[in-house]
């Protein structure tokens, strides 16, 4: 059993902090040594996940009651969903936890509570439709940001087309050309940023026969998120 534990479990596989993983590791080793009957119903991995969710709910309850609510709130044990780097949880007023959903207070502009697996980062889901809030939150957890990128190939014969699309004189245009003979524009992409400012440049250039595409890339966040 201990061999199984050390081979198949790691801190990285559960995306938790070192001290938290060490705590659960020692707790499981205690169960392995003294409470073998406990494993008749659950595997080691299942037990670790159960304990992790219990701890996450406790941290989420603490976080939500540090927000600007006038009444005590509570995170619900039902409906918890696990993602790669976080959990999403339902919540409500503590006094309404036994009511049906349609009888509970509705909150405009906020959705589920999202919390990282180490419990250090939490926020509410937004309410805008067609937005992958989990994706954006998990990027935040990893200190990664998405950005728009446009790479334009520079050729001397295209200089008039480039000047017309970018709307700049020759001297400024040449200052934009890098050592790889490319003109590069980039812009951080917010969740509600559907098109970069330079999309019109890309459209104009493609219409004139200069092939270039606006792409979405990822990089280390340039500022704390």
Protein backbone atom coordinates (compact mmCIF):
# COMPACT_ATOMS: atom_id res chain seq x y z
CA UNK A 1 0.00 0.00 0.00
CA UNK A 2 2.78 2.46 0.87
CA UNK A 3 4.56 1.64 -2.39
CA UNK A 4 1.32 2.43 -4.26
CA UNK A 5 1.02 5.74 -2.41
CA UNK A 6 4.50 7.00 -3.18
CA UNK A 7 4.53 5.88 -6.81
CA UNK A 8 1.14 7.18 -7.90
CA UNK A 9 0.65 10.29 -5.77
CA UNK A 10 2.63 13.48 -5.98
CA UNK A 11 2.16 17.08 -4.95
CA UNK A 12 2.13 18.14 -8.59
CA UNK A 13 -0.58 15.66 -9.56
CA UNK A 14 -3.01 17.33 -7.16
CA UNK A 15 -1.83 20.93 -7.70
CA UNK A 16 -1.61 21.75 -3.99
CA UNK A 17 1.02 23.40 -1.81
CA UNK A 18 3.89 21.40 -0.32
CA UNK A 19 2.79 21.69 3.31
CA UNK A 20 -0.79 20.70 2.46
CA UNK A 21 0.33 17.66 0.52
CA UNK A 22 2.66 16.64 3.37
CA UNK A 23 -0.21 16.89 5.86
CA UNK A 24 -2.50 14.65 3.80
CA UNK A 25 0.37 12.29 3.02
CA UNK A 26 1.10 11.76 6.72
CA UNK A 27 -2.60 11.41 7.48
CA UNK A 28 -2.98 8.71 4.84
CA UNK A 29 0.08 6.87 6.09
CA UNK A 30 -1.56 6.84 9.52
CA UNK A 31 -4.70 5.32 7.99
CA UNK A 32 -2.63 2.79 6.09
CA UNK A 33 -0.83 1.72 9.27
CA UNK A 34 -3.65 1.77 11.80
CA UNK A 35 -6.96 1.83 9.93
CA UNK A 36 -6.60 -0.68 7.13
CA UNK A 37 -10.33 -1.39 7.13
CA UNK A 38 -10.88 2.19 5.95
CA UNK A 39 -9.45 1.19 2.57
CA UNK A 40 -12.03 -1.54 1.99
CA UNK A 41 -14.40 1.12 0.66
CA UNK A 42 -12.06 3.74 -0.88
CA UNK A 43 -8.75 3.80 -2.72
CA UNK A 44 -5.93 6.07 -1.54
CA UNK A 45 -6.57 8.51 -4.39
CA UNK A 46 -10.30 8.71 -3.56
CA UNK A 47 -9.57 9.36 0.11
CA UNK A 48 -7.09 12.12 -0.70
CA UNK A 49 -9.64 13.81 -2.97
CA UNK A 50 -12.35 13.60 -0.29
CA UNK A 51 -10.06 15.17 2.29
CA UNK A 52 -8.91 17.84 -0.14
CA UNK A 53 -12.51 18.83 -0.92
CA UNK A 54 -13.29 19.06 2.80
CA UNK A 55 -10.39 21.44 3.30
CA UNK A 56 -11.34 23.48 0.22
CA UNK A 57 -14.91 23.94 1.45
CA UNK A 58 -13.57 25.19 4.79
CA UNK A 59 -11.28 27.71 3.07
CA UNK A 60 -14.03 28.79 0.67
CA UNK A 61 -16.41 29.40 3.59
CA UNK A 62 -13.79 31.56 5.27
CA UNK A 63 -13.15 33.52 2.05
CA UNK A 64 -16.78 34.19 1.20
CA UNK A 65 -17.48 35.52 4.68
CA UNK A 66 -14.64 38.02 4.30
CA UNK A 67 -16.51 39.65 1.41
CA UNK A 68 -18.97 42.53 1.73
CA UNK A 69 -22.10 40.55 2.57
CA UNK A 70 -24.31 41.76 5.38
CA UNK A 71 -25.32 38.22 6.36
CA UNK A 72 -23.43 34.99 6.89
CA UNK A 73 -22.91 33.01 3.69
CA UNK A 74 -22.18 29.32 3.24
CA UNK A 75 -20.55 27.18 0.58
CA UNK A 76 -22.59 24.12 -0.30
CA UNK A 77 -21.14 20.62 -0.30
CA UNK A 78 -23.41 19.53 -3.12
CA UNK A 79 -22.53 20.59 -6.64
CA UNK A 80 -18.79 20.94 -6.05
CA UNK A 81 -16.86 20.41 -9.30
CA UNK A 82 -13.17 19.66 -9.60
CA UNK A 83 -11.15 21.13 -12.46
CA UNK A 84 -7.43 20.89 -13.24
CA UNK A 85 -6.26 23.71 -10.95
CA UNK A 86 -9.39 24.72 -9.04
CA UNK A 87 -12.81 23.84 -7.68
CA UNK A 88 -16.11 25.53 -8.44
CA UNK A 89 -18.71 25.66 -5.66
CA UNK A 90 -22.28 26.78 -5.18
CA UNK A 91 -23.12 29.10 -2.29
CA UNK A 92 -26.02 30.90 -0.65
CA UNK A 93 -27.08 32.64 2.54
CA UNK A 94 -26.49 30.37 5.51
CA UNK A 95 -30.09 30.72 6.65
CA UNK A 96 -31.34 29.68 3.19
CA UNK A 97 -29.27 26.50 2.78
CA UNK A 98 -32.28 24.23 3.36
CA UNK A 99 -34.49 26.04 0.85
CA UNK A 100 -35.00 25.04 -2.78
CA UNK A 101 -32.91 26.94 -5.33
CA UNK A 102 -35.91 28.93 -6.58
CA UNK A 103 -36.57 30.13 -3.01
CA UNK A 104 -33.02 31.38 -2.37
CA UNK A 105 -31.78 34.94 -2.87
CA UNK A 106 -30.51 35.60 -6.39
CA UNK A 107 -27.30 37.58 -6.86
CA UNK A 108 -26.88 39.71 -9.97
CA UNK A 109 -23.49 39.70 -11.65
CA UNK A 110 -21.89 36.82 -9.73
CA UNK A 111 -21.93 33.08 -10.21
CA UNK A 112 -20.19 30.16 -8.55
CA UNK A 113 -17.26 30.57 -6.19
CA UNK A 114 -13.97 29.54 -7.79
CA UNK A 115 -11.04 28.59 -5.56
CA UNK A 116 -7.57 27.27 -6.36
CA UNK A 117 -6.66 23.80 -5.11
CA UNK A 118 -4.27 25.26 -2.56
CA UNK A 119 -7.04 27.58 -1.34
CA UNK A 120 -4.91 30.70 -1.80
CA UNK A 121 -6.82 32.34 -4.66
CA UNK A 122 -10.58 32.72 -4.87
CA UNK A 123 -13.10 34.81 -6.74
CA UNK A 124 -16.64 34.71 -8.01
CA UNK A 125 -17.55 33.62 -11.50
CA UNK A 126 -18.91 36.41 -13.66
CA UNK A 127 -22.38 36.26 -15.15
CA UNK A 128 -21.61 37.13 -18.78
CA UNK A 129 -22.72 34.31 -21.11
CA UNK A 130 -20.39 32.37 -23.40
CA UNK A 131 -17.33 33.10 -21.21
CA UNK A 132 -15.20 30.21 -19.97
CA UNK A 133 -14.69 31.53 -16.43
CA UNK A 134 -12.87 28.38 -15.35
CA UNK A 135 -10.33 28.83 -18.14
CA UNK A 136 -9.61 32.45 -17.21
CA UNK A 137 -9.39 31.69 -13.49
CA UNK A 138 -6.99 28.80 -14.01
CA UNK A 139 -4.76 31.04 -16.13
CA UNK A 140 -4.76 33.50 -13.23
CA UNK A 141 -3.76 30.73 -10.81
CA UNK A 142 -0.76 29.90 -13.02
CA UNK A 143 0.14 33.59 -13.47
CA UNK A 144 -0.44 33.26 -17.21
CA UNK A 145 -2.11 35.80 -19.45
CA UNK A 146 -3.48 35.48 -22.95
CA UNK A 147 -2.54 38.06 -25.52
CA UNK A 148 -3.27 38.95 -29.13
CA UNK A 149 -0.34 38.65 -31.54
CA UNK A 150 -0.01 39.88 -35.12
CA UNK A 151 3.16 39.11 -37.08
CA UNK A 152 3.44 40.94 -40.39
CA UNK A 153 6.15 39.90 -42.87
CA UNK A 154 8.13 42.87 -44.19
CA UNK A 155 9.18 43.02 -47.82
CA UNK A 156 10.45 46.16 -49.51
CA UNK A 157 8.03 45.74 -52.40
CA UNK A 158 5.09 45.88 -49.94
CA UNK A 159 6.11 49.12 -48.26
CA UNK A 160 3.26 51.19 -49.76
CA UNK A 161 0.65 48.65 -48.67
CA UNK A 162 2.17 48.50 -45.17
CA UNK A 163 2.23 52.29 -44.80
CA UNK A 164 -1.39 52.50 -45.92
CA UNK A 165 -2.64 49.80 -43.50
CA UNK A 166 -0.56 50.83 -40.49
CA UNK A 167 -1.02 54.53 -41.27
CA UNK A 168 2.50 55.74 -40.68
CA UNK A 169 5.32 57.31 -42.70
CA UNK A 170 8.28 55.32 -44.03
CA UNK A 171 10.63 56.24 -41.18
CA UNK A 172 8.21 55.08 -38.46
CA UNK A 173 7.41 51.96 -40.44
CA UNK A 174 11.07 50.99 -40.68
CA UNK A 175 11.46 51.45 -36.92
CA UNK A 176 8.79 48.78 -36.44
CA UNK A 177 10.66 46.15 -38.48
CA UNK A 178 12.65 43.76 -36.27
CA UNK A 179 15.80 41.77 -37.07
CA UNK A 180 13.67 38.93 -38.46
CA UNK A 181 12.04 41.28 -41.00
CA UNK A 182 8.72 41.20 -39.19
CA UNK A 183 6.45 43.87 -37.77
CA UNK A 184 4.92 42.65 -34.54
CA UNK A 185 1.93 43.97 -32.63
CA UNK A 186 0.73 42.46 -29.37
CA UNK A 187 -1.96 43.33 -26.86
CA UNK A 188 -3.11 41.71 -23.61
CA UNK A 189 -6.43 39.91 -23.99
CA UNK A 190 -9.04 40.42 -21.30
CA UNK A 191 -11.98 38.02 -20.98
CA UNK A 192 -14.24 40.59 -22.65
CA UNK A 193 -11.71 41.65 -25.30
CA UNK A 194 -13.00 39.98 -28.45
CA UNK A 195 -10.83 41.81 -30.99
CA UNK A 196 -7.47 43.59 -30.69
CA UNK A 197 -7.00 47.19 -31.79
CA UNK A 198 -4.86 46.05 -34.70
CA UNK A 199 -7.40 43.63 -36.22
CA UNK A 200 -8.31 46.27 -38.81
CA UNK A 201 -4.65 46.41 -39.87
CA UNK A 202 -4.63 42.64 -40.39
CA UNK A 203 -7.87 42.80 -42.40
CA UNK A 204 -6.53 45.58 -44.64
CA UNK A 205 -3.27 43.74 -45.26
CA UNK A 206 -4.98 40.47 -46.10
CA UNK A 207 -7.23 42.26 -48.58
CA UNK A 208 -4.12 43.76 -50.22
CA UNK A 209 -2.44 40.36 -50.56
CA UNK A 210 -0.15 40.37 -47.50
CA UNK A 211 -1.01 37.24 -45.52
CA UNK A 212 -1.02 37.68 -41.73
CA UNK A 213 -3.24 36.35 -38.98
CA UNK A 214 -4.18 37.59 -35.52
CA UNK A 215 -3.43 34.81 -33.02
CA UNK A 216 -4.10 34.22 -29.34
CA UNK A 217 -0.98 33.22 -27.41
CA UNK A 218 -0.07 32.75 -23.74
CA UNK A 219 2.78 34.19 -21.68
CA UNK A 220 3.76 34.84 -18.10
CA UNK A 221 1.56 37.65 -16.84
CA UNK A 222 3.25 41.02 -17.19
CA UNK A 223 1.64 42.21 -13.96
CA UNK A 224 -0.02 40.48 -10.97
CA UNK A 225 -3.49 39.21 -11.93
